Amino acid sequence: MKLTVFTSIFLVLLTSGCSQQDTEKTRQQAAQATEKLKEESKVAAVELKKDAKEAARQTKAVAEGVKQGLQTPDKPVNVNSASKNRLQTLPGVDEDTASRIIAGRPYHTREEVAARGVVSPEEFQTIKDKISVK
């Protein structure tokens, strides 16, 4: 927008002659172009202000969503259907333990994971509230 106005002013200056009458005409045209630029700048500033407010609202919504997502408790991991990688997100469950859990499927209760010796009693105490069988 500014480039267009400045280009217009420049073209006006180029096409004007050296006479006193042309100089006055050039001055008036430059003044009009500058006035137009000034008004367009005011309109652009209003639009920019509106966009900035909307961006702030959207940023706040994103931040609230992230906060809510972090506060939501993790869903229990279903030991009958979870992938090896998902099982490894449980505390103390490494690749070998996850493989043993998968090999021992299906489980009808959470306690079967410990009762079958798939995990130690200590490991089970750590994960029992974080697993499900459904």
Protein backbone atom coordinates (compact mmCIF):
# COMPACT_ATOMS: atom_id res chain seq x y z
CA MET A 1 0.00 0.00 0.00
CA LYS A 2 2.71 2.49 1.01
CA LEU A 3 4.81 1.41 -1.92
CA THR A 4 1.94 2.20 -4.29
CA VAL A 5 1.50 5.69 -2.89
CA PHE A 6 5.22 6.40 -2.92
CA THR A 7 5.42 5.09 -6.49
CA SER A 8 2.56 7.41 -7.43
CA ILE A 9 4.36 10.35 -5.87
CA PHE A 10 7.55 9.45 -7.68
CA LEU A 11 5.76 9.13 -11.03
CA VAL A 12 4.08 12.48 -10.50
CA LEU A 13 7.47 14.03 -9.86
CA LEU A 14 8.95 12.44 -12.98
CA THR A 15 6.17 13.58 -15.27
CA SER A 16 6.16 17.14 -14.02
CA GLY A 17 8.08 19.82 -15.87
CA CYS A 18 10.30 22.57 -14.52
CA SER A 19 7.87 25.48 -14.84
CA GLN A 20 6.38 27.29 -11.84
CA GLN A 21 2.87 26.10 -12.72
CA ASP A 22 4.01 22.43 -12.91
CA THR A 23 5.87 22.76 -9.60
CA GLU A 24 2.70 23.92 -7.84
CA LYS A 25 0.72 21.09 -9.43
CA THR A 26 3.36 18.59 -8.32
CA ARG A 27 3.27 19.94 -4.76
CA GLN A 28 -0.53 19.59 -4.64
CA GLN A 29 -0.43 16.06 -6.03
CA ALA A 30 2.26 15.06 -3.52
CA ALA A 31 0.17 16.57 -0.71
CA GLN A 32 -2.92 14.66 -1.86
CA ALA A 33 -0.99 11.40 -2.15
CA THR A 34 0.47 11.91 1.32
CA GLU A 35 -2.98 12.65 2.75
CA LYS A 36 -4.32 9.48 1.16
CA LEU A 37 -1.42 7.50 2.62
CA LYS A 38 -2.10 9.00 6.04
CA GLU A 39 -5.77 7.96 5.94
CA GLU A 40 -4.96 4.47 4.67
CA SER A 41 -2.39 4.10 7.44
CA LYS A 42 -5.04 4.94 10.04
CA VAL A 43 -7.37 2.30 8.59
CA ALA A 44 -4.54 -0.24 8.52
CA ALA A 45 -3.69 0.55 12.15
CA VAL A 46 -7.29 -0.10 13.22
CA GLU A 47 -7.31 -3.43 11.37
CA LEU A 48 -3.95 -4.38 12.85
CA LYS A 49 -5.23 -3.60 16.34
CA LYS A 50 -8.29 -5.84 15.77
CA ASP A 51 -6.08 -8.65 14.47
CA ALA A 52 -3.72 -8.30 17.44
CA LYS A 53 -6.64 -8.61 19.87
CA GLU A 54 -7.89 -11.72 18.08
CA ALA A 55 -4.40 -13.23 18.11
CA ALA A 56 -4.18 -12.57 21.85
CA ARG A 57 -7.55 -14.30 22.40
CA GLN A 58 -6.45 -17.31 20.35
CA THR A 59 -3.11 -17.52 22.17
CA LYS A 60 -4.90 -17.47 25.51
CA ALA A 61 -7.22 -20.26 24.34
CA VAL A 62 -4.23 -22.38 23.28
CA ALA A 63 -2.52 -21.82 26.64
CA GLU A 64 -5.68 -22.79 28.52
CA GLY A 65 -6.01 -25.93 26.38
CA VAL A 66 -2.42 -26.95 27.06
CA LYS A 67 -2.90 -26.36 30.77
CA GLN A 68 -6.10 -28.41 30.78
CA GLY A 69 -4.40 -31.21 28.84
CA LEU A 70 -1.54 -31.33 31.32
CA GLN A 71 -3.92 -31.45 34.30
CA THR A 72 -6.02 -34.29 32.88
CA PRO A 73 -4.98 -37.53 34.55
CA ASP A 74 -3.53 -40.21 32.30
CA LYS A 75 -5.95 -42.91 31.27
CA PRO A 76 -5.06 -46.38 32.50
CA VAL A 77 -3.08 -48.49 30.05
CA ASN A 78 -5.04 -51.52 28.86
CA VAL A 79 -2.60 -54.43 29.29
CA ASN A 80 -4.68 -56.54 26.88
CA SER A 81 -4.45 -54.17 23.91
CA ALA A 82 -1.62 -51.67 24.48
CA SER A 83 1.39 -51.67 22.20
CA LYS A 84 4.85 -52.40 23.53
CA ASN A 85 5.71 -48.71 23.32
CA ARG A 86 2.59 -47.72 25.26
CA LEU A 87 3.33 -50.31 27.96
CA GLN A 88 6.83 -48.87 28.30
CA THR A 89 5.31 -45.54 29.37
CA LEU A 90 4.39 -47.22 32.66
CA PRO A 91 6.86 -46.61 35.49
CA GLY A 92 9.54 -49.31 35.66
CA VAL A 93 8.32 -51.15 32.55
CA ASP A 94 11.19 -51.70 30.13
CA GLU A 95 11.17 -53.46 26.75
CA ASP A 96 11.55 -56.96 28.26
CA THR A 97 8.77 -56.40 30.80
CA ALA A 98 6.47 -55.05 28.07
CA SER A 99 7.21 -58.15 25.98
CA ARG A 100 6.33 -60.41 28.94
CA ILE A 101 3.06 -58.53 29.49
CA ILE A 102 2.14 -58.97 25.83
CA ALA A 103 3.09 -62.66 25.86
CA GLY A 104 0.88 -63.29 28.91
CA ARG A 105 -2.32 -61.91 27.34
CA PRO A 106 -5.24 -62.01 27.91
CA TYR A 107 -5.69 -60.88 31.50
CA HIS A 108 -9.09 -60.92 33.20
CA THR A 109 -8.03 -58.85 36.20
CA ARG A 110 -5.17 -56.47 36.87
CA GLU A 111 -3.92 -58.74 39.61
CA GLU A 112 -3.28 -61.55 37.11
CA VAL A 113 -0.31 -59.58 35.77
CA ALA A 114 1.43 -60.08 39.12
CA ALA A 115 -0.08 -63.48 39.92
CA ARG A 116 1.33 -64.99 36.71
CA GLY A 117 4.78 -63.64 37.56
CA VAL A 118 4.85 -61.33 34.54
CA VAL A 119 6.02 -58.51 36.83
CA SER A 120 7.45 -58.60 40.33
CA PRO A 121 5.23 -57.69 43.29
CA GLU A 122 7.15 -54.42 43.63
CA GLU A 123 6.65 -53.57 39.95
CA PHE A 124 2.96 -54.40 40.24
CA GLN A 125 2.55 -52.05 43.22
CA THR A 126 4.01 -49.28 41.05
CA ILE A 127 1.74 -49.87 38.05
CA LYS A 128 -1.47 -51.35 39.48
CA ASP A 129 -3.33 -48.04 39.52
CA LYS A 130 -2.13 -47.21 36.03
CA ILE A 131 -3.35 -50.34 34.21
CA SER A 132 -6.67 -51.81 33.19
CA VAL A 133 -7.83 -55.01 31.50
CA LYS A 134 -10.78 -53.63 29.52
